Amino acid sequence: MGDVYETPYSDCSGLISCHSFSEKQMCSSVISDHNYYVICRNILTRHDGIQADGLLAHVPEVVNNEWDLEYLLIECVMPRRQRGRIQIVHKLIEALTAVQNMNVP
Protein backbone atom coordinates (compact mmCIF):
# COMPACT_ATOMS: atom_id res chain seq x y z
CA MET A 1 0.00 0.00 0.00
CA GLY A 2 1.37 3.41 -0.99
CA ASP A 3 1.73 6.33 1.36
CA VAL A 4 0.52 9.34 -0.65
CA TYR A 5 -1.08 9.54 -4.08
CA GLU A 6 -0.30 12.85 -5.76
CA THR A 7 -2.45 13.75 -8.74
CA PRO A 8 -0.14 14.95 -11.49
CA TYR A 9 -0.82 18.24 -13.26
CA SER A 10 -1.84 17.68 -16.84
CA ASP A 11 -2.35 20.26 -19.55
CA CYS A 12 -5.87 19.63 -20.73
CA SER A 13 -6.70 23.02 -22.20
CA GLY A 14 -10.13 23.27 -23.72
CA LEU A 15 -11.68 20.52 -21.63
CA ILE A 16 -14.48 21.40 -19.23
CA SER A 17 -13.14 19.17 -16.48
CA CYS A 18 -9.49 18.34 -15.96
CA HIS A 19 -9.12 15.78 -13.24
CA SER A 20 -7.86 12.47 -14.52
CA PHE A 21 -6.32 10.07 -12.03
CA SER A 22 -5.11 6.53 -11.54
CA GLU A 23 -7.86 4.75 -9.66
CA LYS A 24 -5.57 1.84 -8.83
CA GLN A 25 -2.83 4.07 -7.41
CA MET A 26 -5.24 6.34 -5.57
CA CYS A 27 -7.12 3.46 -3.94
CA SER A 28 -3.91 1.76 -2.85
CA SER A 29 -2.67 4.90 -1.10
CA VAL A 30 -3.37 6.00 2.45
CA ILE A 31 -3.60 9.71 1.51
CA SER A 32 -4.59 11.38 -1.76
CA ASP A 33 -4.39 15.01 -2.84
CA HIS A 34 -6.79 14.50 -5.74
CA ASN A 35 -9.76 16.37 -4.25
CA TYR A 36 -7.53 19.35 -3.45
CA TYR A 37 -6.31 19.33 -7.06
CA VAL A 38 -9.87 19.29 -8.45
CA ILE A 39 -11.02 22.08 -6.13
CA CYS A 40 -8.03 24.32 -6.86
CA ARG A 41 -8.00 23.70 -10.60
CA ASN A 42 -11.68 23.50 -11.50
CA ILE A 43 -13.48 25.55 -8.85
CA LEU A 44 -11.15 28.14 -7.36
CA THR A 45 -9.16 28.95 -10.50
CA ARG A 46 -10.13 26.79 -13.47
CA HIS A 47 -6.44 27.03 -14.17
CA ASP A 48 -5.04 26.26 -17.61
CA GLY A 49 -1.44 27.12 -16.79
CA ILE A 50 -1.62 30.73 -17.94
CA GLN A 51 -5.16 32.08 -17.70
CA ALA A 52 -7.29 31.56 -14.62
CA ASP A 53 -11.01 31.91 -14.13
CA GLY A 54 -12.98 30.71 -11.12
CA LEU A 55 -14.14 31.77 -7.68
CA LEU A 56 -10.76 33.31 -6.79
CA ALA A 57 -9.59 34.44 -10.20
CA HIS A 58 -10.25 38.14 -9.60
CA VAL A 59 -9.59 38.89 -5.95
CA PRO A 60 -8.80 42.48 -4.91
CA GLU A 61 -5.11 43.32 -5.13
CA VAL A 62 -4.92 44.10 -1.41
CA VAL A 63 -6.09 40.56 -0.62
CA ASN A 64 -3.67 38.98 -3.06
CA ASN A 65 -0.78 41.06 -1.69
CA GLU A 66 -1.64 40.29 1.93
CA TRP A 67 -1.95 36.52 1.46
CA ASP A 68 -0.25 35.89 -1.91
CA LEU A 69 -3.31 33.95 -3.07
CA GLU A 70 -2.09 33.80 -6.66
CA TYR A 71 1.04 31.93 -5.55
CA LEU A 72 -0.94 29.60 -3.26
CA LEU A 73 -3.40 28.72 -6.03
CA ILE A 74 -0.68 28.07 -8.61
CA GLU A 75 1.15 25.84 -6.12
CA CYS A 76 -2.09 24.00 -5.40
CA VAL A 77 -2.62 23.31 -9.11
CA MET A 78 1.02 22.71 -10.09
CA PRO A 79 3.11 22.01 -6.99
CA ARG A 80 6.87 22.26 -7.47
CA ARG A 81 7.85 19.79 -4.77
CA GLN A 82 6.73 16.41 -3.53
CA ARG A 83 3.65 16.62 -1.28
CA GLY A 84 3.55 20.33 -2.06
CA ARG A 85 -0.18 20.40 -2.75
CA ILE A 86 -1.04 18.91 0.64
CA GLN A 87 1.25 21.40 2.37
CA ILE A 88 0.02 24.44 0.45
CA VAL A 89 -3.66 23.63 1.01
CA HIS A 90 -3.26 24.26 4.74
CA LYS A 91 -1.82 27.72 3.99
CA LEU A 92 -4.63 28.35 1.49
CA ILE A 93 -7.29 27.44 4.07
CA GLU A 94 -5.64 29.76 6.61
CA ALA A 95 -5.55 32.60 4.07
CA LEU A 96 -9.17 32.14 3.00
CA THR A 97 -10.31 32.04 6.62
CA ALA A 98 -8.47 35.31 7.33
CA VAL A 99 -9.81 36.93 4.15
CA GLN A 100 -13.37 36.31 5.34
CA ASN A 101 -12.68 38.72 8.20
CA MET A 102 -11.01 41.46 6.13
CA ASN A 103 -12.77 44.72 5.36
CA VAL A 104 -12.07 45.12 1.68
CA PRO A 105 -13.70 48.00 -0.19
PDB file of N, CA and C in Angstrom:
ATOM      1  N   MET A   1       0.843  -1.177   0.000  1.00  0.00           N
ATOM      2  CA  MET A   1       0.000   0.000   0.000  1.00  0.00           C
ATOM      3  C   MET A   1       0.888   1.240   0.000  1.00  0.00           C
ATOM      4  N   GLY A   2       0.577   2.189  -0.886  1.00  0.00           N
ATOM      5  CA  GLY A   2       1.365   3.409  -0.988  1.00  0.00           C
ATOM      6  C   GLY A   2       1.041   4.385   0.120  1.00  0.00           C
ATOM      7  N   ASP A   3       1.906   5.330   0.312  1.00  0.00           N
ATOM      8  CA  ASP A   3       1.732   6.329   1.359  1.00  0.00           C
ATOM      9  C   ASP A   3       0.833   7.470   0.885  1.00  0.00           C
ATOM     10  N   VAL A   4       1.258   8.191  -0.159  1.00  0.00           N
ATOM     11  CA  VAL A   4       0.516   9.344  -0.654  1.00  0.00           C
ATOM     12  C   VAL A   4       0.364   9.254  -2.165  1.00  0.00           C
ATOM     13  N   TYR A   5      -0.852   9.439  -2.639  1.00  0.00           N
ATOM     14  CA  TYR A   5      -1.084   9.540  -4.077  1.00  0.00           C
ATOM     15  C   TYR A   5      -1.166  11.016  -4.426  1.00  0.00           C
ATOM     16  N   GLU A   6      -0.302  11.458  -5.326  1.00  0.00           N
ATOM     17  CA  GLU A   6      -0.296  12.847  -5.763  1.00  0.00           C
ATOM     18  C   GLU A   6      -0.791  12.910  -7.205  1.00  0.00           C
ATOM     19  N   THR A   7      -1.896  13.613  -7.410  1.00  0.00           N
ATOM     20  CA  THR A   7      -2.451  13.753  -8.741  1.00  0.00           C
ATOM     21  C   THR A   7      -1.530  14.641  -9.560  1.00  0.00           C
ATOM     22  N   PRO A   8      -1.042  14.133 -10.676  1.00  0.00           N
ATOM     23  CA  PRO A   8      -0.139  14.947 -11.489  1.00  0.00           C
ATOM     24  C   PRO A   8      -0.900  16.026 -12.254  1.00  0.00           C
ATOM     25  N   TYR A   9      -0.256  17.172 -12.428  1.00  0.00           N
ATOM     26  CA  TYR A   9      -0.820  18.237 -13.260  1.00  0.00           C
ATOM     27  C   TYR A   9      -0.774  17.770 -14.706  1.00  0.00           C
ATOM     28  N   SER A  10      -1.853  17.991 -15.418  1.00  0.00           N
ATOM     29  CA  SER A  10      -1.839  17.684 -16.843  1.00  0.00           C
ATOM     30  C   SER A  10      -2.446  18.847 -17.594  1.00  0.00           C
ATOM     31  N   ASP A  11      -1.859  19.166 -18.726  1.00  0.00           N
ATOM     32  CA  ASP A  11      -2.352  20.255 -19.550  1.00  0.00           C
ATOM     33  C   ASP A  11      -3.508  19.724 -20.376  1.00  0.00           C
ATOM     34  N   CYS A  12      -4.685  20.105 -20.012  1.00  0.00           N
ATOM     35  CA  CYS A  12      -5.868  19.626 -20.734  1.00  0.00           C
ATOM     36  C   CYS A  12      -6.699  20.817 -21.172  1.00  0.00           C
ATOM     37  N   SER A  13      -6.041  21.793 -21.757  1.00  0.00           N
ATOM     38  CA  SER A  13      -6.705  23.020 -22.198  1.00  0.00           C
ATOM     39  C   SER A  13      -7.886  22.699 -23.090  1.00  0.00           C
ATOM     40  N   GLY A  14      -8.952  23.437 -22.887  1.00  0.00           N
ATOM     41  CA  GLY A  14     -10.133  23.275 -23.716  1.00  0.00           C
ATOM     42  C   GLY A  14     -11.137  22.278 -23.177  1.00  0.00           C
ATOM     43  N   LEU A  15     -10.746  21.471 -22.222  1.00  0.00           N
ATOM     44  CA  LEU A  15     -11.684  20.522 -21.633  1.00  0.00           C
ATOM     45  C   LEU A  15     -12.437  21.196 -20.502  1.00  0.00           C
ATOM     46  N   ILE A  16     -13.671  20.826 -20.303  1.00  0.00           N
ATOM     47  CA  ILE A  16     -14.480  21.403 -19.233  1.00  0.00           C
ATOM     48  C   ILE A  16     -13.945  20.967 -17.883  1.00  0.00           C
ATOM     49  N   SER A  17     -13.614  19.705 -17.749  1.00  0.00           N
ATOM     50  CA  SER A  17     -13.136  19.170 -16.483  1.00  0.00           C
ATOM     51  C   SER A  17     -11.766  18.552 -16.704  1.00  0.00           C
ATOM     52  N   CYS A  18     -10.858  18.829 -15.794  1.00  0.00           N
ATOM     53  CA  CYS A  18      -9.491  18.341 -15.956  1.00  0.00           C
ATOM     54  C   CYS A  18      -9.051  17.670 -14.667  1.00  0.00           C
ATOM     55  N   HIS A  19      -9.489  16.454 -14.475  1.00  0.00           N
ATOM     56  CA  HIS A  19      -9.124  15.780 -13.236  1.00  0.00           C
ATOM     57  C   HIS A  19      -8.989  14.271 -13.431  1.00  0.00           C
ATOM     58  N   SER A  20      -8.097  13.896 -14.339  1.00  0.00           N
ATOM     59  CA  SER A  20      -7.857  12.471 -14.521  1.00  0.00           C
ATOM     60  C   SER A  20      -6.992  11.958 -13.373  1.00  0.00           C
ATOM     61  N   PHE A  21      -7.088  10.658 -13.111  1.00  0.00           N
ATOM     62  CA  PHE A  21      -6.320  10.072 -12.030  1.00  0.00           C
ATOM     63  C   PHE A  21      -6.198   8.574 -12.251  1.00  0.00           C
ATOM     64  N   SER A  22      -5.281   7.970 -11.521  1.00  0.00           N
ATOM     65  CA  SER A  22      -5.108   6.530 -11.545  1.00  0.00           C
ATOM     66  C   SER A  22      -5.894   5.938 -10.385  1.00  0.00           C
ATOM     67  N   GLU A  23      -7.019   5.326 -10.695  1.00  0.00           N
ATOM     68  CA  GLU A  23      -7.864   4.748  -9.658  1.00  0.00           C
ATOM     69  C   GLU A  23      -7.102   3.710  -8.841  1.00  0.00           C
ATOM     70  N   LYS A  24      -6.329   2.893  -9.518  1.00  0.00           N
ATOM     71  CA  LYS A  24      -5.571   1.841  -8.830  1.00  0.00           C
ATOM     72  C   LYS A  24      -4.564   2.437  -7.848  1.00  0.00           C
ATOM     73  N   GLN A  25      -3.815   3.435  -8.297  1.00  0.00           N
ATOM     74  CA  GLN A  25      -2.827   4.066  -7.414  1.00  0.00           C
ATOM     75  C   GLN A  25      -3.497   4.829  -6.284  1.00  0.00           C
ATOM     76  N   MET A  26      -4.564   5.555  -6.595  1.00  0.00           N
ATOM     77  CA  MET A  26      -5.240   6.336  -5.567  1.00  0.00           C
ATOM     78  C   MET A  26      -5.824   5.425  -4.492  1.00  0.00           C
ATOM     79  N   CYS A  27      -6.467   4.355  -4.894  1.00  0.00           N
ATOM     80  CA  CYS A  27      -7.124   3.464  -3.938  1.00  0.00           C
ATOM     81  C   CYS A  27      -6.137   2.617  -3.141  1.00  0.00           C
ATOM     82  N   SER A  28      -4.905   2.524  -3.607  1.00  0.00           N
ATOM     83  CA  SER A  28      -3.915   1.764  -2.850  1.00  0.00           C
ATOM     84  C   SER A  28      -3.041   2.673  -1.986  1.00  0.00           C
ATOM     85  N   SER A  29      -3.405   3.942  -1.920  1.00  0.00           N
ATOM     86  CA  SER A  29      -2.667   4.903  -1.096  1.00  0.00           C
ATOM     87  C   SER A  29      -3.465   5.259   0.149  1.00  0.00           C
ATOM     88  N   VAL A  30      -2.744   5.611   1.197  1.00  0.00           N
ATOM     89  CA  VAL A  30      -3.374   6.003   2.448  1.00  0.00           C
ATOM     90  C   VAL A  30      -3.951   7.418   2.329  1.00  0.00           C
ATOM     91  N   ILE A  31      -3.220   8.311   1.662  1.00  0.00           N
ATOM     92  CA  ILE A  31      -3.603   9.710   1.507  1.00  0.00           C
ATOM     93  C   ILE A  31      -3.596  10.058   0.025  1.00  0.00           C
ATOM     94  N   SER A  32      -4.533  10.908  -0.380  1.00  0.00           N
ATOM     95  CA  SER A  32      -4.585  11.385  -1.760  1.00  0.00           C
ATOM     96  C   SER A  32      -4.812  12.887  -1.765  1.00  0.00           C
ATOM     97  N   ASP A  33      -4.176  13.572  -2.702  1.00  0.00           N
ATOM     98  CA  ASP A  33      -4.388  15.013  -2.844  1.00  0.00           C
ATOM     99  C   ASP A  33      -5.328  15.334  -4.003  1.00  0.00           C
ATOM    100  N   HIS A  34      -5.972  14.324  -4.541  1.00  0.00           N
ATOM    101  CA  HIS A  34      -6.792  14.496  -5.745  1.00  0.00           C
ATOM    102  C   HIS A  34      -7.932  15.502  -5.558  1.00  0.00           C
ATOM    103  N   ASN A  35      -8.653  15.430  -4.458  1.00  0.00           N
ATOM    104  CA  ASN A  35      -9.762  16.367  -4.245  1.00  0.00           C
ATOM    105  C   ASN A  35      -9.264  17.808  -4.145  1.00  0.00           C
ATOM    106  N   TYR A  36      -8.115  18.019  -3.511  1.00  0.00           N
ATOM    107  CA  TYR A  36      -7.530  19.353  -3.450  1.00  0.00           C
ATOM    108  C   TYR A  36      -7.223  19.860  -4.857  1.00  0.00           C
ATOM    109  N   TYR A  37      -6.651  18.978  -5.670  1.00  0.00           N
ATOM    110  CA  TYR A  37      -6.315  19.333  -7.056  1.00  0.00           C
ATOM    111  C   TYR A  37      -7.565  19.765  -7.812  1.00  0.00           C
ATOM    112  N   VAL A  38      -8.623  18.995  -7.727  1.00  0.00           N
ATOM    113  CA  VAL A  38      -9.866  19.289  -8.447  1.00  0.00           C
ATOM    114  C   VAL A  38     -10.458  20.614  -7.967  1.00  0.00           C
ATOM    115  N   ILE A  39     -10.468  20.837  -6.666  1.00  0.00           N
ATOM    116  CA  ILE A  39     -11.020  22.082  -6.127  1.00  0.00           C
ATOM    117  C   ILE A  39     -10.196  23.281  -6.590  1.00  0.00           C
ATOM    118  N   CYS A  40      -8.881  23.188  -6.470  1.00  0.00           N
ATOM    119  CA  CYS A  40      -8.033  24.317  -6.864  1.00  0.00           C
ATOM    120  C   CYS A  40      -8.103  24.575  -8.362  1.00  0.00           C
ATOM    121  N   ARG A  41      -8.055  23.531  -9.147  1.00  0.00           N
ATOM    122  CA  ARG A  41      -8.000  23.699 -10.600  1.00  0.00           C
ATOM    123  C   ARG A  41      -9.345  24.023 -11.221  1.00  0.00           C
ATOM    124  N   ASN A  42     -10.397  23.369 -10.805  1.00  0.00           N
ATOM    125  CA  ASN A  42     -11.679  23.497 -11.501  1.00  0.00           C
ATOM    126  C   ASN A  42     -12.684  24.413 -10.815  1.00  0.00           C
ATOM    127  N   ILE A  43     -12.499  24.715  -9.541  1.00  0.00           N
ATOM    128  CA  ILE A  43     -13.475  25.553  -8.851  1.00  0.00           C
ATOM    129  C   ILE A  43     -12.869  26.911  -8.479  1.00  0.00           C
ATOM    130  N   LEU A  44     -11.738  26.884  -7.811  1.00  0.00           N
ATOM    131  CA  LEU A  44     -11.155  28.144  -7.362  1.00  0.00           C
ATOM    132  C   LEU A  44     -10.502  28.926  -8.494  1.00  0.00           C
ATOM    133  N   THR A  45      -9.853  28.226  -9.438  1.00  0.00           N
ATOM    134  CA  THR A  45      -9.159  28.950 -10.497  1.00  0.00           C
ATOM    135  C   THR A  45      -9.524  28.537 -11.920  1.00  0.00           C
ATOM    136  N   ARG A  46      -9.986  27.332 -12.112  1.00  0.00           N
ATOM    137  CA  ARG A  46     -10.134  26.795 -13.473  1.00  0.00           C
ATOM    138  C   ARG A  46      -8.868  27.111 -14.253  1.00  0.00           C
ATOM    139  N   HIS A  47      -7.782  26.661 -13.725  1.00  0.00           N
ATOM    140  CA  HIS A  47      -6.441  27.031 -14.169  1.00  0.00           C
ATOM    141  C   HIS A  47      -6.003  26.243 -15.395  1.00  0.00           C
ATOM    142  N   ASP A  48      -5.555  26.937 -16.428  1.00  0.00           N
ATOM    143  CA  ASP A  48      -5.039  26.257 -17.614  1.00  0.00           C
ATOM    144  C   ASP A  48      -3.541  26.469 -17.771  1.00  0.00           C
ATOM    145  N   GLY A  49      -2.874  26.915 -16.736  1.00  0.00           N
ATOM    146  CA  GLY A  49      -1.437  27.120 -16.785  1.00  0.00           C
ATOM    147  C   GLY A  49      -1.055  28.570 -17.010  1.00  0.00           C
ATOM    148  N   ILE A  50      -1.904  29.330 -17.657  1.00  0.00           N
ATOM    149  CA  ILE A  50      -1.617  30.734 -17.936  1.00  0.00           C
ATOM    150  C   ILE A  50      -2.786  31.602 -17.483  1.00  0.00           C
ATOM    151  N   GLN A  51      -3.954  31.315 -17.986  1.00  0.00           N
ATOM    152  CA  GLN A  51      -5.162  32.084 -17.702  1.00  0.00           C
ATOM    153  C   GLN A  51      -5.949  31.387 -16.598  1.00  0.00           C
ATOM    154  N   ALA A  52      -6.500  32.152 -15.692  1.00  0.00           N
ATOM    155  CA  ALA A  52      -7.289  31.563 -14.615  1.00  0.00           C
ATOM    156  C   ALA A  52      -8.662  32.218 -14.565  1.00  0.00           C
ATOM    157  N   ASP A  53      -9.664  31.411 -14.312  1.00  0.00           N
ATOM    158  CA  ASP A  53     -11.012  31.914 -14.126  1.00  0.00           C
ATOM    159  C   ASP A  53     -11.683  30.979 -13.134  1.00  0.00           C
ATOM    160  N   GLY A  54     -12.325  31.510 -12.142  1.00  0.00           N
ATOM    161  CA  GLY A  54     -12.978  30.712 -11.122  1.00  0.00           C
ATOM    162  C   GLY A  54     -13.329  31.589  -9.947  1.00  0.00           C
ATOM    163  N   LEU A  55     -13.697  31.004  -8.851  1.00  0.00           N
ATOM    164  CA  LEU A  55     -14.138  31.767  -7.680  1.00  0.00           C
ATOM    165  C   LEU A  55     -13.092  32.753  -7.175  1.00  0.00           C
ATOM    166  N   LEU A  56     -11.815  32.428  -7.301  1.00  0.00           N
ATOM    167  CA  LEU A  56     -10.762  33.309  -6.787  1.00  0.00           C
ATOM    168  C   LEU A  56      -9.889  33.906  -7.886  1.00  0.00           C
ATOM    169  N   ALA A  57     -10.387  33.948  -9.086  1.00  0.00           N
ATOM    170  CA  ALA A  57      -9.587  34.443 -10.204  1.00  0.00           C
ATOM    171  C   ALA A  57      -9.386  35.949 -10.159  1.00  0.00           C
ATOM    172  N   HIS A  58     -10.325  36.676  -9.579  1.00  0.00           N
ATOM    173  CA  HIS A  58     -10.249  38.136  -9.604  1.00  0.00           C
ATOM    174  C   HIS A  58     -10.418  38.721  -8.204  1.00  0.00           C
ATOM    175  N   VAL A  59      -9.518  38.356  -7.313  1.00  0.00           N
ATOM    176  CA  VAL A  59      -9.593  38.891  -5.951  1.00  0.00           C
ATOM    177  C   VAL A  59      -8.974  40.286  -5.936  1.00  0.00           C
ATOM    178  N   PRO A  60      -9.396  41.141  -5.014  1.00  0.00           N
ATOM    179  CA  PRO A  60      -8.798  42.476  -4.911  1.00  0.00           C
ATOM    180  C   PRO A  60      -7.287  42.374  -4.675  1.00  0.00           C
ATOM    181  N   GLU A  61      -6.568  43.329  -5.232  1.00  0.00           N
ATOM    182  CA  GLU A  61      -5.109  43.320  -5.133  1.00  0.00           C
ATOM    183  C   GLU A  61      -4.626  43.327  -3.686  1.00  0.00           C
ATOM    184  N   VAL A  62      -5.315  44.047  -2.819  1.00  0.00           N
ATOM    185  CA  VAL A  62      -4.916  44.103  -1.414  1.00  0.00           C
ATOM    186  C   VAL A  62      -4.987  42.718  -0.775  1.00  0.00           C
ATOM    187  N   VAL A  63      -5.955  41.926  -1.154  1.00  0.00           N
ATOM    188  CA  VAL A  63      -6.089  40.561  -0.623  1.00  0.00           C
ATOM    189  C   VAL A  63      -4.971  39.682  -1.169  1.00  0.00           C
ATOM    190  N   ASN A  64      -4.732  39.779  -2.466  1.00  0.00           N
ATOM    191  CA  ASN A  64      -3.666  38.976  -3.063  1.00  0.00           C
ATOM    192  C   ASN A  64      -2.317  39.338  -2.454  1.00  0.00           C
ATOM    193  N   ASN A  65      -2.058  40.628  -2.261  1.00  0.00           N
ATOM    194  CA  ASN A  65      -0.778  41.056  -1.691  1.00  0.00           C
ATOM    195  C   ASN A  65      -0.617  40.608  -0.250  1.00  0.00           C
ATOM    196  N   GLU A  66      -1.694  40.673   0.517  1.00  0.00           N
ATOM    197  CA  GLU A  66      -1.637  40.287   1.933  1.00  0.00           C
ATOM    198  C   GLU A  66      -1.376  38.795   2.104  1.00  0.00           C
ATOM    199  N   TRP A  67      -2.011  37.972   1.282  1.00  0.00           N
ATOM    200  CA  TRP A  67      -1.954  36.518   1.460  1.00  0.00           C
ATOM    201  C   TRP A  67      -1.285  35.783   0.310  1.00  0.00           C
ATOM    202  N   ASP A  68      -0.893  36.489  -0.731  1.00  0.00           N
ATOM    203  CA  ASP A  68      -0.251  35.886  -1.906  1.00  0.00           C
ATOM    204  C   ASP A  68      -1.087  34.720  -2.454  1.00  0.00           C
ATOM    205  N   LEU A  69      -2.384  34.989  -2.607  1.00  0.00           N
ATOM    206  CA  LEU A  69      -3.310  33.955  -3.073  1.00  0.00           C
ATOM    207  C   LEU A  69      -2.940  33.403  -4.439  1.00  0.00           C
ATOM    208  N   GLU A  70      -2.464  34.265  -5.325  1.00  0.00           N
ATOM    209  CA  GLU A  70      -2.089  33.798  -6.661  1.00  0.00           C
ATOM    210  C   GLU A  70      -1.030  32.700  -6.568  1.00  0.00           C
ATOM    211  N   TYR A  71      -0.007  32.926  -5.752  1.00  0.00           N
ATOM    212  CA  TYR A  71       1.037  31.927  -5.551  1.00  0.00           C
ATOM    213  C   TYR A  71       0.460  30.641  -4.958  1.00  0.00           C
ATOM    214  N   LEU A  72      -0.374  30.780  -3.913  1.00  0.00           N
ATOM    215  CA  LEU A  72      -0.942  29.599  -3.260  1.00  0.00           C
ATOM    216  C   LEU A  72      -1.775  28.767  -4.238  1.00  0.00           C
ATOM    217  N   LEU A  73      -2.557  29.436  -5.074  1.00  0.00           N
ATOM    218  CA  LEU A  73      -3.401  28.718  -6.028  1.00  0.00           C
ATOM    219  C   LEU A  73      -2.571  28.026  -7.108  1.00  0.00           C
ATOM    220  N   ILE A  74      -1.545  28.701  -7.601  1.00  0.00           N
ATOM    221  CA  ILE A  74      -0.678  28.072  -8.607  1.00  0.00           C
ATOM    222  C   ILE A  74       0.018  26.852  -8.010  1.00  0.00           C
ATOM    223  N   GLU A  75       0.495  26.980  -6.779  1.00  0.00           N
ATOM    224  CA  GLU A  75       1.145  25.840  -6.115  1.00  0.00           C
ATOM    225  C   GLU A  75       0.165  24.701  -5.864  1.00  0.00           C
ATOM    226  N   CYS A  76      -1.084  25.028  -5.615  1.00  0.00           N
ATOM    227  CA  CYS A  76      -2.093  23.995  -5.400  1.00  0.00           C
ATOM    228  C   CYS A  76      -2.365  23.235  -6.702  1.00  0.00           C
ATOM    229  N   VAL A  77      -2.373  23.943  -7.805  1.00  0.00           N
ATOM    230  CA  VAL A  77      -2.624  23.307  -9.105  1.00  0.00           C
ATOM    231  C   VAL A  77      -1.377  22.591  -9.610  1.00  0.00           C
ATOM    232  N   MET A  78      -0.232  23.255  -9.539  1.00  0.00           N
ATOM    233  CA  MET A  78       1.019  22.712 -10.089  1.00  0.00           C
ATOM    234  C   MET A  78       2.130  22.781  -9.048  1.00  0.00           C
ATOM    235  N   PRO A  79       2.092  21.931  -8.039  1.00  0.00           N
ATOM    236  CA  PRO A  79       3.114  22.005  -6.989  1.00  0.00           C
ATOM    237  C   PRO A  79       4.511  21.719  -7.544  1.00  0.00           C
ATOM    238  N   ARG A  80       5.490  22.416  -6.999  1.00  0.00           N
ATOM    239  CA  ARG A  80       6.875  22.261  -7.472  1.00  0.00           C
ATOM    240  C   ARG A  80       7.678  21.261  -6.662  1.00  0.00           C
ATOM    241  N   ARG A  81       7.113  20.781  -5.571  1.00  0.00           N
ATOM    242  CA  ARG A  81       7.848  19.794  -4.767  1.00  0.00           C
ATOM    243  C   ARG A  81       6.910  18.664  -4.342  1.00  0.00           C
ATOM    244  N   GLN A  82       7.491  17.571  -3.962  1.00  0.00           N
ATOM    245  CA  GLN A  82       6.729  16.410  -3.531  1.00  0.00           C
ATOM    246  C   GLN A  82       5.880  16.773  -2.318  1.00  0.00           C
ATOM    247  N   ARG A  83       4.636  16.339  -2.327  1.00  0.00           N
ATOM    248  CA  ARG A  83       3.646  16.617  -1.279  1.00  0.00           C
ATOM    249  C   ARG A  83       3.362  18.114  -1.122  1.00  0.00           C
ATOM    250  N   GLY A  84       3.734  18.880  -2.108  1.00  0.00           N
ATOM    251  CA  GLY A  84       3.552  20.327  -2.064  1.00  0.00           C
ATOM    252  C   GLY A  84       2.099  20.739  -2.000  1.00  0.00           C
ATOM    253  N   ARG A  85       1.238  20.035  -2.735  1.00  0.00           N
ATOM    254  CA  ARG A  85      -0.182  20.396  -2.748  1.00  0.00           C
ATOM    255  C   ARG A  85      -0.795  20.237  -1.359  1.00  0.00           C
ATOM    256  N   ILE A  86      -0.486  19.152  -0.697  1.00  0.00           N
ATOM    257  CA  ILE A  86      -1.041  18.907   0.639  1.00  0.00           C
ATOM    258  C   ILE A  86      -0.546  19.973   1.617  1.00  0.00           C
ATOM    259  N   GLN A  87       0.706  20.379   1.489  1.00  0.00           N
ATOM    260  CA  GLN A  87       1.250  21.403   2.375  1.00  0.00           C
ATOM    261  C   GLN A  87       0.649  22.772   2.080  1.00  0.00           C
ATOM    262  N   ILE A  88       0.501  23.111   0.824  1.00  0.00           N
ATOM    263  CA  ILE A  88       0.018  24.438   0.448  1.00  0.00           C
ATOM    264  C   ILE A  88      -1.460  24.604   0.770  1.00  0.00           C
ATOM    265  N   VAL A  89      -2.225  23.539   0.735  1.00  0.00           N
ATOM    266  CA  VAL A  89      -3.663  23.630   1.014  1.00  0.00           C
ATOM    267  C   VAL A  89      -3.904  24.159   2.427  1.00  0.00           C
ATOM    268  N   HIS A  90      -3.090  23.765   3.371  1.00  0.00           N
ATOM    269  CA  HIS A  90      -3.256  24.260   4.743  1.00  0.00           C
ATOM    270  C   HIS A  90      -3.035  25.775   4.797  1.00  0.00           C
ATOM    271  N   LYS A  91      -2.060  26.276   4.050  1.00  0.00           N
ATOM    272  CA  LYS A  91      -1.820  27.720   3.994  1.00  0.00           C
ATOM    273  C   LYS A  91      -2.975  28.416   3.269  1.00  0.00           C
ATOM    274  N   LEU A  92      -3.502  27.790   2.241  1.00  0.00           N
ATOM    275  CA  LEU A  92      -4.625  28.352   1.494  1.00  0.00           C
ATOM    276  C   LEU A  92      -5.874  28.447   2.370  1.00  0.00           C
ATOM    277  N   ILE A  93      -6.137  27.418   3.143  1.00  0.00           N
ATOM    278  CA  ILE A  93      -7.288  27.437   4.065  1.00  0.00           C
ATOM    279  C   ILE A  93      -7.108  28.548   5.097  1.00  0.00           C
ATOM    280  N   GLU A  94      -5.910  28.696   5.634  1.00  0.00           N
ATOM    281  CA  GLU A  94      -5.637  29.757   6.606  1.00  0.00           C
ATOM    282  C   GLU A  94      -5.866  31.134   5.969  1.00  0.00           C
ATOM    283  N   ALA A  95      -5.385  31.316   4.758  1.00  0.00           N
ATOM    284  CA  ALA A  95      -5.550  32.597   4.070  1.00  0.00           C
ATOM    285  C   ALA A  95      -7.014  32.895   3.798  1.00  0.00           C
ATOM    286  N   LEU A  96      -7.755  31.918   3.317  1.00  0.00           N
ATOM    287  CA  LEU A  96      -9.169  32.144   2.998  1.00  0.00           C
ATOM    288  C   LEU A  96      -9.994  32.419   4.253  1.00  0.00           C
ATOM    289  N   THR A  97      -9.628  31.782   5.358  1.00  0.00           N
ATOM    290  CA  THR A  97     -10.308  32.040   6.624  1.00  0.00           C
ATOM    291  C   THR A  97     -10.045  33.482   7.071  1.00  0.00           C
ATOM    292  N   ALA A  98      -8.826  33.937   6.940  1.00  0.00           N
ATOM    293  CA  ALA A  98      -8.475  35.311   7.327  1.00  0.00           C
ATOM    294  C   ALA A  98      -9.139  36.323   6.397  1.00  0.00           C
ATOM    295  N   VAL A  99      -9.220  36.015   5.119  1.00  0.00           N
ATOM    296  CA  VAL A  99      -9.814  36.929   4.145  1.00  0.00           C
ATOM    297  C   VAL A  99     -11.299  37.149   4.449  1.00  0.00           C
ATOM    298  N   GLN A 100     -11.962  36.157   4.972  1.00  0.00           N
ATOM    299  CA  GLN A 100     -13.375  36.314   5.343  1.00  0.00           C
ATOM    300  C   GLN A 100     -13.568  37.451   6.329  1.00  0.00           C
ATOM    301  N   ASN A 101     -12.579  37.701   7.155  1.00  0.00           N
ATOM    302  CA  ASN A 101     -12.683  38.720   8.199  1.00  0.00           C
ATOM    303  C   ASN A 101     -12.106  40.079   7.809  1.00  0.00           C
ATOM    304  N   MET A 102     -11.590  40.191   6.573  1.00  0.00           N
ATOM    305  CA  MET A 102     -11.009  41.457   6.126  1.00  0.00           C
ATOM    306  C   MET A 102     -12.113  42.408   5.667  1.00  0.00           C
ATOM    307  N   ASN A 103     -11.899  43.685   5.903  1.00  0.00           N
ATOM    308  CA  ASN A 103     -12.775  44.717   5.364  1.00  0.00           C
ATOM    309  C   ASN A 103     -12.138  45.239   4.082  1.00  0.00           C
ATOM    310  N   VAL A 104     -12.611  44.726   2.967  1.00  0.00           N
ATOM    311  CA  VAL A 104     -12.067  45.118   1.675  1.00  0.00           C
ATOM    312  C   VAL A 104     -13.119  45.938   0.957  1.00  0.00           C
ATOM    313  N   PRO A 105     -12.723  47.154   0.524  1.00  0.00           N
ATOM    314  CA  PRO A 105     -13.699  48.000  -0.187  1.00  0.00           C
ATOM    315  C   PRO A 105     -14.091  47.438  -1.533  1.00  0.00           C
TER     316      PRO A 105
END
